[in-house]
Amino acid sequence: MDDIVPALLESIQSQFDERTYNSAKLKKSLQALKSNKATYIDVNDFAIEIGEILADVLGTNITAEVLPDGKMYFNIADRILNLTLKKNHELISGFAVDVQKLLNDEANLHLKSQTPEFNQDRVDGLVNKLSSANSFEDAKWLLDDPIINFSQSIVDDVIAINIDFHANAGLEPTLTRKMRGDACNWCKNLAGTYEYYDAPDDIYRRHERCRCTVEYDPKDGRRVQNAHTKKWREQKQKEKIAVRKTLNLRKRDKNES
């Protein structure tokens, strides 16, 4: 059997690079950063555009006709998704970290921007679902919105690791979740601004085709904690981390099932 992956990757990468280079939306976000005016609104727009471009390019190039027996085999899905989504992670997290540095500087915070790790578990889940389907036609939807959703989640990961870092440094950061489009009741209930330790555990979660955003501005958390408050918040921090670990395990188990 011929190895179709090298030719597919070459076509996907070429089209992705051309589309991203010519994207007016990406240029707008980059200009906002260059002008020192970028916020996480720009980061979310950047991530959605990157995700939509990749999803469209994948859908154009990967069809049942080009796949062996019309099936997405594990080896093909694993190589294509890991390479393309790692590039998405590099582009989006790089832009997000630069914006976080800008926001830190504006808030006069001498804290280094933190970069999250690549979410390998989530990509493995996509690969397993794609390769376990009886035919590619049954699973091709996984190369559409889940790709965009993954791209959005990179922004969330950047916010999460930086807001954790800021909270541990003694700040009292706040998170804001905003609705976009015709939001459902679940999203409406999550929308709002929360102090870090009171934020709902689902604040970063999204359902299919959800474009709601999570935003963070470190200028909102410059209050200084006293010793008693700091001790209480450290305990709340431990509890929140424990809950997040449990949620991550559940998500991984669900992906593997």
C-alpha atoms as a PDB file:
ATOM      1  CA  MET A   1       0.000   0.000   0.000  1.00  0.00           C
ATOM      2  CA  ASP A   2       1.383   3.415  -0.995  1.00  0.00           C
ATOM      3  CA  ASP A   3       2.066   5.918   1.758  1.00  0.00           C
ATOM      4  CA  ILE A   4      -0.315   8.802   1.004  1.00  0.00           C
ATOM      5  CA  VAL A   5       0.657  10.903   4.034  1.00  0.00           C
ATOM      6  CA  PRO A   6       3.698  12.799   2.650  1.00  0.00           C
ATOM      7  CA  ALA A   7       1.780  14.130  -0.377  1.00  0.00           C
ATOM      8  CA  LEU A   8      -1.267  14.941   1.742  1.00  0.00           C
ATOM      9  CA  LEU A   9       0.819  16.812   4.298  1.00  0.00           C
ATOM     10  CA  GLU A  10       2.628  18.766   1.608  1.00  0.00           C
ATOM     11  CA  SER A  11      -0.666  19.908   0.109  1.00  0.00           C
ATOM     12  CA  ILE A  12      -2.232  20.677   3.488  1.00  0.00           C
ATOM     13  CA  GLN A  13       0.765  22.655   4.725  1.00  0.00           C
ATOM     14  CA  SER A  14       1.103  24.603   1.491  1.00  0.00           C
ATOM     15  CA  GLN A  15      -2.556  25.613   1.417  1.00  0.00           C
ATOM     16  CA  PHE A  16      -2.604  26.375   5.148  1.00  0.00           C
ATOM     17  CA  ASP A  17       0.460  28.623   4.887  1.00  0.00           C
ATOM     18  CA  GLU A  18      -0.989  30.499   1.921  1.00  0.00           C
ATOM     19  CA  ARG A  19      -4.381  30.976   3.573  1.00  0.00           C
ATOM     20  CA  THR A  20      -2.951  32.168   6.875  1.00  0.00           C
ATOM     21  CA  TYR A  21      -0.479  34.509   5.171  1.00  0.00           C
ATOM     22  CA  ASN A  22      -3.305  36.191   3.231  1.00  0.00           C
ATOM     23  CA  SER A  23      -5.896  36.233   6.039  1.00  0.00           C
ATOM     24  CA  ALA A  24      -7.197  39.744   6.735  1.00  0.00           C
ATOM     25  CA  LYS A  25      -8.417  38.625  10.171  1.00  0.00           C
ATOM     26  CA  LEU A  26      -4.982  37.378  11.202  1.00  0.00           C
ATOM     27  CA  LYS A  27      -3.348  40.548   9.912  1.00  0.00           C
ATOM     28  CA  LYS A  28      -5.803  42.608  11.967  1.00  0.00           C
ATOM     29  CA  SER A  29      -4.938  40.687  15.149  1.00  0.00           C
ATOM     30  CA  LEU A  30      -1.205  40.984  14.501  1.00  0.00           C
ATOM     31  CA  GLN A  31      -1.555  44.706  13.874  1.00  0.00           C
ATOM     32  CA  ALA A  32      -3.352  45.104  17.207  1.00  0.00           C
ATOM     33  CA  LEU A  33      -0.377  43.470  18.919  1.00  0.00           C
ATOM     34  CA  LYS A  34       2.103  45.594  16.996  1.00  0.00           C
ATOM     35  CA  SER A  35       0.174  48.708  18.076  1.00  0.00           C
ATOM     36  CA  ASN A  36       0.183  47.525  21.721  1.00  0.00           C
ATOM     37  CA  LYS A  37      -3.625  47.384  21.706  1.00  0.00           C
ATOM     38  CA  ALA A  38      -4.210  43.628  21.616  1.00  0.00           C
ATOM     39  CA  THR A  39      -6.381  41.850  24.193  1.00  0.00           C
ATOM     40  CA  TYR A  40      -7.683  38.327  24.546  1.00  0.00           C
ATOM     41  CA  ILE A  41     -10.520  39.291  22.201  1.00  0.00           C
ATOM     42  CA  ASP A  42      -7.883  39.498  19.469  1.00  0.00           C
ATOM     43  CA  VAL A  43      -6.339  36.229  20.652  1.00  0.00           C
ATOM     44  CA  ASN A  44      -9.679  34.421  20.436  1.00  0.00           C
ATOM     45  CA  ASP A  45     -10.358  35.843  16.961  1.00  0.00           C
ATOM     46  CA  PHE A  46      -6.859  34.751  15.927  1.00  0.00           C
ATOM     47  CA  ALA A  47      -7.416  31.209  17.220  1.00  0.00           C
ATOM     48  CA  ILE A  48     -10.834  30.801  15.594  1.00  0.00           C
ATOM     49  CA  GLU A  49      -9.478  31.995  12.233  1.00  0.00           C
ATOM     50  CA  ILE A  50      -6.502  29.615  12.448  1.00  0.00           C
ATOM     51  CA  GLY A  51      -8.835  26.754  13.381  1.00  0.00           C
ATOM     52  CA  GLU A  52     -11.318  27.526  10.597  1.00  0.00           C
ATOM     53  CA  ILE A  53      -8.556  27.680   7.996  1.00  0.00           C
ATOM     54  CA  LEU A  54      -7.071  24.350   9.090  1.00  0.00           C
ATOM     55  CA  ALA A  55     -10.492  22.674   9.241  1.00  0.00           C
ATOM     56  CA  ASP A  56     -11.306  23.874   5.728  1.00  0.00           C
ATOM     57  CA  VAL A  57      -7.935  22.762   4.345  1.00  0.00           C
ATOM     58  CA  LEU A  58      -8.232  19.348   5.989  1.00  0.00           C
ATOM     59  CA  GLY A  59     -11.752  18.921   4.632  1.00  0.00           C
ATOM     60  CA  THR A  60     -10.644  19.858   1.133  1.00  0.00           C
ATOM     61  CA  ASN A  61      -7.676  17.498   1.016  1.00  0.00           C
ATOM     62  CA  ILE A  62      -8.838  14.499   3.036  1.00  0.00           C
ATOM     63  CA  THR A  63     -11.726  12.684   1.394  1.00  0.00           C
ATOM     64  CA  ALA A  64     -12.917   9.096   1.274  1.00  0.00           C
ATOM     65  CA  GLU A  65     -11.635   8.879  -2.302  1.00  0.00           C
ATOM     66  CA  VAL A  66      -7.994   9.517  -1.354  1.00  0.00           C
ATOM     67  CA  LEU A  67      -8.006   7.238   1.705  1.00  0.00           C
ATOM     68  CA  PRO A  68      -7.282   3.486   1.490  1.00  0.00           C
ATOM     69  CA  ASP A  69     -10.610   1.633   1.381  1.00  0.00           C
ATOM     70  CA  GLY A  70     -12.331   4.938   2.206  1.00  0.00           C
ATOM     71  CA  LYS A  71     -11.132   4.639   5.815  1.00  0.00           C
ATOM     72  CA  MET A  72      -9.001   6.871   8.007  1.00  0.00           C
ATOM     73  CA  TYR A  73      -6.426   4.472   9.421  1.00  0.00           C
ATOM     74  CA  PHE A  74      -4.714   5.223  12.729  1.00  0.00           C
ATOM     75  CA  ASN A  75      -1.283   5.753  11.174  1.00  0.00           C
ATOM     76  CA  ILE A  76      -2.651   8.350   8.755  1.00  0.00           C
ATOM     77  CA  ALA A  77      -4.747  10.230  11.312  1.00  0.00           C
ATOM     78  CA  ASP A  78      -1.971  10.169  13.892  1.00  0.00           C
ATOM     79  CA  ARG A  79       0.682  11.653  11.613  1.00  0.00           C
ATOM     80  CA  ILE A  80      -1.541  14.288  10.001  1.00  0.00           C
ATOM     81  CA  LEU A  81      -3.314  15.560  13.114  1.00  0.00           C
ATOM     82  CA  ASN A  82      -0.253  15.610  15.341  1.00  0.00           C
ATOM     83  CA  LEU A  83       1.759  17.632  12.847  1.00  0.00           C
ATOM     84  CA  THR A  84      -0.978  20.100  11.889  1.00  0.00           C
ATOM     85  CA  LEU A  85      -2.375  20.622  15.384  1.00  0.00           C
ATOM     86  CA  LYS A  86       1.092  21.077  16.858  1.00  0.00           C
ATOM     87  CA  LYS A  87       1.610  23.852  14.334  1.00  0.00           C
ATOM     88  CA  ASN A  88      -1.716  25.367  15.406  1.00  0.00           C
ATOM     89  CA  HIS A  89      -0.569  25.186  19.010  1.00  0.00           C
ATOM     90  CA  GLU A  90       2.714  26.883  18.166  1.00  0.00           C
ATOM     91  CA  LEU A  91       1.043  29.727  16.250  1.00  0.00           C
ATOM     92  CA  ILE A  92      -1.818  30.356  18.665  1.00  0.00           C
ATOM     93  CA  SER A  93       0.061  29.935  21.930  1.00  0.00           C
ATOM     94  CA  GLY A  94       2.893  32.084  20.585  1.00  0.00           C
ATOM     95  CA  PHE A  95       0.505  34.915  19.768  1.00  0.00           C
ATOM     96  CA  ALA A  96      -1.381  34.500  23.045  1.00  0.00           C
ATOM     97  CA  VAL A  97       1.806  34.557  25.123  1.00  0.00           C
ATOM     98  CA  ASP A  98       2.911  37.744  23.352  1.00  0.00           C
ATOM     99  CA  VAL A  99      -0.431  39.347  24.177  1.00  0.00           C
ATOM    100  CA  GLN A 100      -0.175  38.156  27.791  1.00  0.00           C
ATOM    101  CA  LYS A 101       3.258  39.813  28.007  1.00  0.00           C
ATOM    102  CA  LEU A 102       1.734  43.038  26.672  1.00  0.00           C
ATOM    103  CA  LEU A 103      -1.049  42.891  29.271  1.00  0.00           C
ATOM    104  CA  ASN A 104       1.446  42.134  32.040  1.00  0.00           C
ATOM    105  CA  ASP A 105       3.550  45.117  31.029  1.00  0.00           C
ATOM    106  CA  GLU A 106       0.502  47.390  30.928  1.00  0.00           C
ATOM    107  CA  ALA A 107      -0.405  46.242  34.440  1.00  0.00           C
ATOM    108  CA  ASN A 108       3.198  46.867  35.540  1.00  0.00           C
ATOM    109  CA  LEU A 109       3.617  43.204  36.421  1.00  0.00           C
ATOM    110  CA  HIS A 110       7.140  41.884  36.198  1.00  0.00           C
ATOM    111  CA  LEU A 111       5.975  38.335  35.587  1.00  0.00           C
ATOM    112  CA  LYS A 112       7.003  36.096  32.728  1.00  0.00           C
ATOM    113  CA  SER A 113       4.239  34.897  30.409  1.00  0.00           C
ATOM    114  CA  GLN A 114       3.649  31.173  30.768  1.00  0.00           C
ATOM    115  CA  THR A 115       3.277  28.782  27.814  1.00  0.00           C
ATOM    116  CA  PRO A 116       1.055  25.693  28.185  1.00  0.00           C
ATOM    117  CA  GLU A 117       2.040  22.243  27.009  1.00  0.00           C
ATOM    118  CA  PHE A 118       0.536  20.721  23.889  1.00  0.00           C
ATOM    119  CA  ASN A 119      -2.656  18.857  24.825  1.00  0.00           C
ATOM    120  CA  GLN A 120      -1.626  15.425  23.556  1.00  0.00           C
ATOM    121  CA  ASP A 121      -4.533  13.639  25.250  1.00  0.00           C
ATOM    122  CA  ARG A 122      -7.067  15.688  23.320  1.00  0.00           C
ATOM    123  CA  VAL A 123      -5.353  15.026  19.993  1.00  0.00           C
ATOM    124  CA  ASP A 124      -5.084  11.313  20.792  1.00  0.00           C
ATOM    125  CA  GLY A 125      -8.834  11.314  21.399  1.00  0.00           C
ATOM    126  CA  LEU A 126      -9.499  12.786  17.949  1.00  0.00           C
ATOM    127  CA  VAL A 127      -7.126  10.309  16.313  1.00  0.00           C
ATOM    128  CA  ASN A 128      -8.773   7.342  18.039  1.00  0.00           C
ATOM    129  CA  LYS A 129     -12.282   8.459  17.075  1.00  0.00           C
ATOM    130  CA  LEU A 130     -11.293   9.048  13.454  1.00  0.00           C
ATOM    131  CA  SER A 131      -9.522   5.713  13.082  1.00  0.00           C
ATOM    132  CA  SER A 132     -12.162   3.654  14.875  1.00  0.00           C
ATOM    133  CA  ALA A 133     -15.021   4.672  12.574  1.00  0.00           C
ATOM    134  CA  ASN A 134     -16.216   2.091  10.053  1.00  0.00           C
ATOM    135  CA  SER A 135     -15.826   4.607   7.241  1.00  0.00           C
ATOM    136  CA  PHE A 136     -14.388   8.087   6.858  1.00  0.00           C
ATOM    137  CA  GLU A 137     -17.831   9.436   5.936  1.00  0.00           C
ATOM    138  CA  ASP A 138     -19.005   8.554   9.443  1.00  0.00           C
ATOM    139  CA  ALA A 139     -16.156  10.458  11.079  1.00  0.00           C
ATOM    140  CA  LYS A 140     -15.252  13.343   8.748  1.00  0.00           C
ATOM    141  CA  TRP A 141     -17.146  15.796  10.989  1.00  0.00           C
ATOM    142  CA  LEU A 142     -14.233  15.409  13.430  1.00  0.00           C
ATOM    143  CA  LEU A 143     -12.091  17.425  11.001  1.00  0.00           C
ATOM    144  CA  ASP A 144     -14.496  20.359  11.146  1.00  0.00           C
ATOM    145  CA  ASP A 145     -15.693  22.000  14.372  1.00  0.00           C
ATOM    146  CA  PRO A 146     -13.540  19.870  16.738  1.00  0.00           C
ATOM    147  CA  ILE A 147     -10.467  21.356  15.005  1.00  0.00           C
ATOM    148  CA  ILE A 148     -11.762  24.881  15.642  1.00  0.00           C
ATOM    149  CA  ASN A 149     -12.713  23.967  19.194  1.00  0.00           C
ATOM    150  CA  PHE A 150      -9.219  22.588  19.794  1.00  0.00           C
ATOM    151  CA  SER A 151      -7.738  25.844  18.510  1.00  0.00           C
ATOM    152  CA  GLN A 152      -9.910  27.850  20.904  1.00  0.00           C
ATOM    153  CA  SER A 153      -8.861  25.592  23.763  1.00  0.00           C
ATOM    154  CA  ILE A 154      -5.243  26.621  23.226  1.00  0.00           C
ATOM    155  CA  VAL A 155      -6.218  30.169  24.235  1.00  0.00           C
ATOM    156  CA  ASP A 156      -7.971  28.797  27.307  1.00  0.00           C
ATOM    157  CA  ASP A 157      -4.854  26.833  28.237  1.00  0.00           C
ATOM    158  CA  VAL A 158      -2.733  29.991  27.979  1.00  0.00           C
ATOM    159  CA  ILE A 159      -5.175  31.906  30.177  1.00  0.00           C
ATOM    160  CA  ALA A 160      -5.425  29.075  32.691  1.00  0.00           C
ATOM    161  CA  ILE A 161      -1.685  28.641  33.178  1.00  0.00           C
ATOM    162  CA  ASN A 162      -1.076  32.394  33.428  1.00  0.00           C
ATOM    163  CA  ILE A 163      -3.959  33.101  35.771  1.00  0.00           C
ATOM    164  CA  ASP A 164      -2.816  30.233  38.009  1.00  0.00           C
ATOM    165  CA  PHE A 165       0.666  31.740  37.973  1.00  0.00           C
ATOM    166  CA  HIS A 166      -0.677  35.181  38.871  1.00  0.00           C
ATOM    167  CA  ALA A 167      -2.850  33.837  41.672  1.00  0.00           C
ATOM    168  CA  ASN A 168       0.134  31.997  43.139  1.00  0.00           C
ATOM    169  CA  ALA A 169       2.100  35.248  42.925  1.00  0.00           C
ATOM    170  CA  GLY A 170      -0.415  36.920  45.252  1.00  0.00           C
ATOM    171  CA  LEU A 171      -2.725  38.642  42.793  1.00  0.00           C
ATOM    172  CA  GLU A 172      -6.510  38.354  42.796  1.00  0.00           C
ATOM    173  CA  PRO A 173      -7.286  37.878  39.094  1.00  0.00           C
ATOM    174  CA  THR A 174     -10.730  37.748  37.534  1.00  0.00           C
ATOM    175  CA  LEU A 175     -12.007  35.819  34.532  1.00  0.00           C
ATOM    176  CA  THR A 176     -14.732  36.910  32.133  1.00  0.00           C
ATOM    177  CA  ARG A 177     -16.715  34.557  29.922  1.00  0.00           C
ATOM    178  CA  LYS A 178     -18.634  36.264  27.130  1.00  0.00           C
ATOM    179  CA  MET A 179     -21.339  34.921  24.852  1.00  0.00           C
ATOM    180  CA  ARG A 180     -21.037  35.058  21.103  1.00  0.00           C
ATOM    181  CA  GLY A 181     -23.806  34.584  18.596  1.00  0.00           C
ATOM    182  CA  ASP A 182     -27.089  32.937  19.540  1.00  0.00           C
ATOM    183  CA  ALA A 183     -25.941  31.461  22.842  1.00  0.00           C
ATOM    184  CA  CYS A 184     -27.751  28.514  24.430  1.00  0.00           C
ATOM    185  CA  ASN A 185     -29.052  28.543  28.005  1.00  0.00           C
ATOM    186  CA  TRP A 186     -26.010  26.609  29.249  1.00  0.00           C
ATOM    187  CA  CYS A 187     -23.683  29.262  27.878  1.00  0.00           C
ATOM    188  CA  LYS A 188     -25.885  32.065  29.177  1.00  0.00           C
ATOM    189  CA  ASN A 189     -25.613  30.620  32.672  1.00  0.00           C
ATOM    190  CA  LEU A 190     -21.815  30.554  32.428  1.00  0.00           C
ATOM    191  CA  ALA A 191     -21.443  34.100  31.108  1.00  0.00           C
ATOM    192  CA  GLY A 192     -20.140  36.695  33.565  1.00  0.00           C
ATOM    193  CA  THR A 193     -17.100  37.927  35.433  1.00  0.00           C
ATOM    194  CA  TYR A 194     -15.715  35.833  38.285  1.00  0.00           C
ATOM    195  CA  GLU A 195     -12.996  36.134  40.840  1.00  0.00           C
ATOM    196  CA  TYR A 196     -10.428  33.444  40.181  1.00  0.00           C
ATOM    197  CA  TYR A 197     -11.279  31.260  43.184  1.00  0.00           C
ATOM    198  CA  ASP A 198     -15.025  31.515  42.572  1.00  0.00           C
ATOM    199  CA  ALA A 199     -14.992  30.767  38.845  1.00  0.00           C
ATOM    200  CA  PRO A 200     -17.148  27.772  37.827  1.00  0.00           C
ATOM    201  CA  ASP A 201     -15.271  24.613  36.924  1.00  0.00           C
ATOM    202  CA  ASP A 202     -16.920  24.639  33.477  1.00  0.00           C
ATOM    203  CA  ILE A 203     -15.790  28.154  32.599  1.00  0.00           C
ATOM    204  CA  TYR A 204     -13.486  26.907  29.813  1.00  0.00           C
ATOM    205  CA  ARG A 205     -15.804  24.239  28.434  1.00  0.00           C
ATOM    206  CA  ARG A 206     -17.568  24.560  25.081  1.00  0.00           C
ATOM    207  CA  HIS A 207     -20.128  22.480  23.263  1.00  0.00           C
ATOM    208  CA  GLU A 208     -20.091  21.850  19.512  1.00  0.00           C
ATOM    209  CA  ARG A 209     -19.922  25.066  17.433  1.00  0.00           C
ATOM    210  CA  CYS A 210     -19.712  27.222  20.563  1.00  0.00           C
ATOM    211  CA  ARG A 211     -17.737  30.428  20.007  1.00  0.00           C
ATOM    212  CA  CYS A 212     -18.024  31.873  23.517  1.00  0.00           C
ATOM    213  CA  THR A 213     -14.785  33.376  24.793  1.00  0.00           C
ATOM    214  CA  VAL A 214     -12.895  33.500  28.052  1.00  0.00           C
ATOM    215  CA  GLU A 215     -10.898  36.673  28.653  1.00  0.00           C
ATOM    216  CA  TYR A 216      -8.386  37.833  31.218  1.00  0.00           C
ATOM    217  CA  ASP A 217      -6.847  41.214  31.977  1.00  0.00           C
ATOM    218  CA  PRO A 218      -4.270  41.234  34.810  1.00  0.00           C
ATOM    219  CA  LYS A 219      -5.053  44.872  35.588  1.00  0.00           C
ATOM    220  CA  ASP A 220      -8.214  43.607  37.285  1.00  0.00           C
ATOM    221  CA  GLY A 221      -6.318  41.652  39.936  1.00  0.00           C
ATOM    222  CA  ARG A 222      -3.797  43.998  41.501  1.00  0.00           C
ATOM    223  CA  ARG A 223      -5.252  43.959  45.037  1.00  0.00           C
ATOM    224  CA  VAL A 224      -2.775  42.835  47.678  1.00  0.00           C
ATOM    225  CA  GLN A 225      -3.697  39.965  49.958  1.00  0.00           C
ATOM    226  CA  ASN A 226      -3.148  39.961  53.699  1.00  0.00           C
ATOM    227  CA  ALA A 227      -1.698  36.889  55.408  1.00  0.00           C
ATOM    228  CA  HIS A 228      -5.074  35.418  56.415  1.00  0.00           C
ATOM    229  CA  THR A 229      -6.568  35.886  52.957  1.00  0.00           C
ATOM    230  CA  LYS A 230      -3.468  34.441  51.317  1.00  0.00           C
ATOM    231  CA  LYS A 231      -3.668  31.274  53.426  1.00  0.00           C
ATOM    232  CA  TRP A 232      -7.367  30.842  52.670  1.00  0.00           C
ATOM    233  CA  ARG A 233      -6.823  31.374  48.959  1.00  0.00           C
ATOM    234  CA  GLU A 234      -3.948  28.890  48.879  1.00  0.00           C
ATOM    235  CA  GLN A 235      -6.340  26.260  50.227  1.00  0.00           C
ATOM    236  CA  LYS A 236      -8.949  27.230  47.627  1.00  0.00           C
ATOM    237  CA  GLN A 237      -6.230  26.974  44.988  1.00  0.00           C
ATOM    238  CA  LYS A 238      -5.386  23.416  46.031  1.00  0.00           C
ATOM    239  CA  GLU A 239      -9.070  22.478  45.936  1.00  0.00           C
ATOM    240  CA  LYS A 240      -9.524  23.985  42.463  1.00  0.00           C
ATOM    241  CA  ILE A 241      -6.463  22.202  41.088  1.00  0.00           C
ATOM    242  CA  ALA A 242      -7.742  18.904  42.505  1.00  0.00           C
ATOM    243  CA  VAL A 243     -11.108  19.428  40.792  1.00  0.00           C
ATOM    244  CA  ARG A 244      -9.442  20.302  37.487  1.00  0.00           C
ATOM    245  CA  LYS A 245      -7.311  17.149  37.610  1.00  0.00           C
ATOM    246  CA  THR A 246     -10.462  15.098  38.132  1.00  0.00           C
ATOM    247  CA  LEU A 247     -12.182  16.805  35.194  1.00  0.00           C
ATOM    248  CA  ASN A 248      -9.138  16.223  32.964  1.00  0.00           C
ATOM    249  CA  LEU A 249      -9.124  12.536  33.868  1.00  0.00           C
ATOM    250  CA  ARG A 250     -12.821  12.283  33.013  1.00  0.00           C
ATOM    251  CA  LYS A 251     -12.238  13.976  29.662  1.00  0.00           C
ATOM    252  CA  ARG A 252      -9.337  11.614  28.889  1.00  0.00           C
ATOM    253  CA  ASP A 253     -11.395   8.565  29.837  1.00  0.00           C
ATOM    254  CA  LYS A 254     -14.230   9.800  27.634  1.00  0.00           C
ATOM    255  CA  ASN A 255     -11.852  10.282  24.700  1.00  0.00           C
ATOM    256  CA  GLU A 256     -10.488   6.785  25.134  1.00  0.00           C
ATOM    257  CA  SER A 257     -13.882   5.129  25.396  1.00  0.00           C
END
